[in-house]
Protein backbone atom coordinates (compact mmCIF):
# COMPACT_ATOMS: atom_id res chain seq x y z
CA MET A 1 -11.82 2.75 -16.67
CA LEU A 2 -13.98 1.30 -14.08
CA SER A 3 -11.34 -1.65 -13.57
CA SER A 4 -8.63 0.80 -12.85
CA CYS A 5 -10.78 2.71 -10.31
CA LEU A 6 -11.72 -0.66 -8.58
CA VAL A 7 -7.96 -1.62 -8.53
CA SER A 8 -7.11 1.69 -6.96
CA VAL A 9 -9.81 1.28 -4.30
CA LEU A 10 -8.53 -2.15 -3.53
CA VAL A 11 -5.02 -1.03 -3.34
CA GLY A 12 -6.01 1.65 -0.93
CA VAL A 13 -7.86 -0.80 1.24
CA VAL A 14 -5.46 -3.47 1.23
CA GLY A 15 -2.50 -0.91 1.83
CA ALA A 16 -4.42 0.53 4.88
CA ALA A 17 -4.68 -2.79 6.38
CA LEU A 18 -1.02 -3.59 5.50
CA GLY A 19 -0.15 -0.36 7.25
CA GLY A 20 -2.03 -1.24 10.33
CA PHE A 21 -0.51 -4.70 10.38
CA VAL A 22 3.05 -3.31 10.03
CA TYR A 23 2.35 -0.68 12.80
CA ARG A 24 1.13 -3.37 15.17
CA LEU A 25 4.22 -5.38 14.45
CA ALA A 26 6.65 -2.47 14.79
CA THR A 27 5.10 -0.92 18.02
CA GLY A 28 3.03 -3.73 19.70
CA GLU A 29 0.03 -1.35 20.01
CA GLN A 30 -3.04 -1.57 17.87
CA LYS A 31 -4.72 1.27 16.11
CA SER A 32 -8.60 1.59 16.38
CA PHE A 33 -10.88 2.16 13.45
CA ALA A 34 -11.82 5.73 14.66
CA PHE A 35 -10.29 8.46 12.38
CA ASP A 36 -7.28 10.41 13.59
CA PHE A 37 -4.35 11.73 11.79
CA PRO A 38 -1.90 9.06 12.99
CA SER A 39 -4.12 6.34 11.62
CA PHE A 40 -4.55 8.22 8.41
CA GLY A 41 -0.77 8.51 8.09
CA VAL A 42 -0.41 4.75 8.86
CA ALA A 43 -2.98 3.93 6.07
CA VAL A 44 -1.43 6.33 3.45
CA LEU A 45 2.16 4.81 4.24
CA GLY A 46 0.68 1.11 3.86
CA ALA A 47 -0.78 1.95 0.52
CA ILE A 48 2.36 3.79 -0.66
CA LEU A 49 4.31 0.59 0.36
CA LEU A 50 1.81 -1.74 -1.35
CA LEU A 51 2.01 0.50 -4.59
CA ALA A 52 5.79 0.26 -4.66
CA VAL A 53 5.77 -3.34 -4.12
CA LEU A 54 3.05 -3.76 -7.08
CA ARG A 55 5.08 -1.56 -9.35
CA LEU A 56 8.23 -3.49 -8.72
CA ALA A 57 6.55 -6.67 -9.24
CA SER A 58 4.78 -5.45 -12.63
CA GLY A 59 8.07 -3.95 -13.74
CA ALA A 60 10.20 -7.00 -13.16
CA ARG A 61 7.40 -9.28 -14.82
CA SER A 62 7.10 -7.13 -18.08
CA GLY A 63 10.80 -6.10 -18.22
CA ARG A 64 10.03 -2.47 -17.75
CA GLY A 65 12.39 -0.29 -15.73
CA ARG A 66 15.55 -1.95 -16.75
CA GLU A 67 17.93 0.08 -18.86
CA HIS A 68 19.13 -1.74 -22.02
CA ARG A 69 22.53 -0.56 -23.51
């Protein structure tokens, strides 16, 4: 249970950094470390994007997510 909690925290932190990086590439402006709702939204979207990528990667690796007929 501790390892899954740690993984969740790491995914959130890395996802927030990824969101900030994508935001900077898309707009050319840099977000600050101060808390505001746009920064929070960028961090949440980055974490969601990272979770989707990790889920696709783990599903492809384990063979899950494919329908067998």
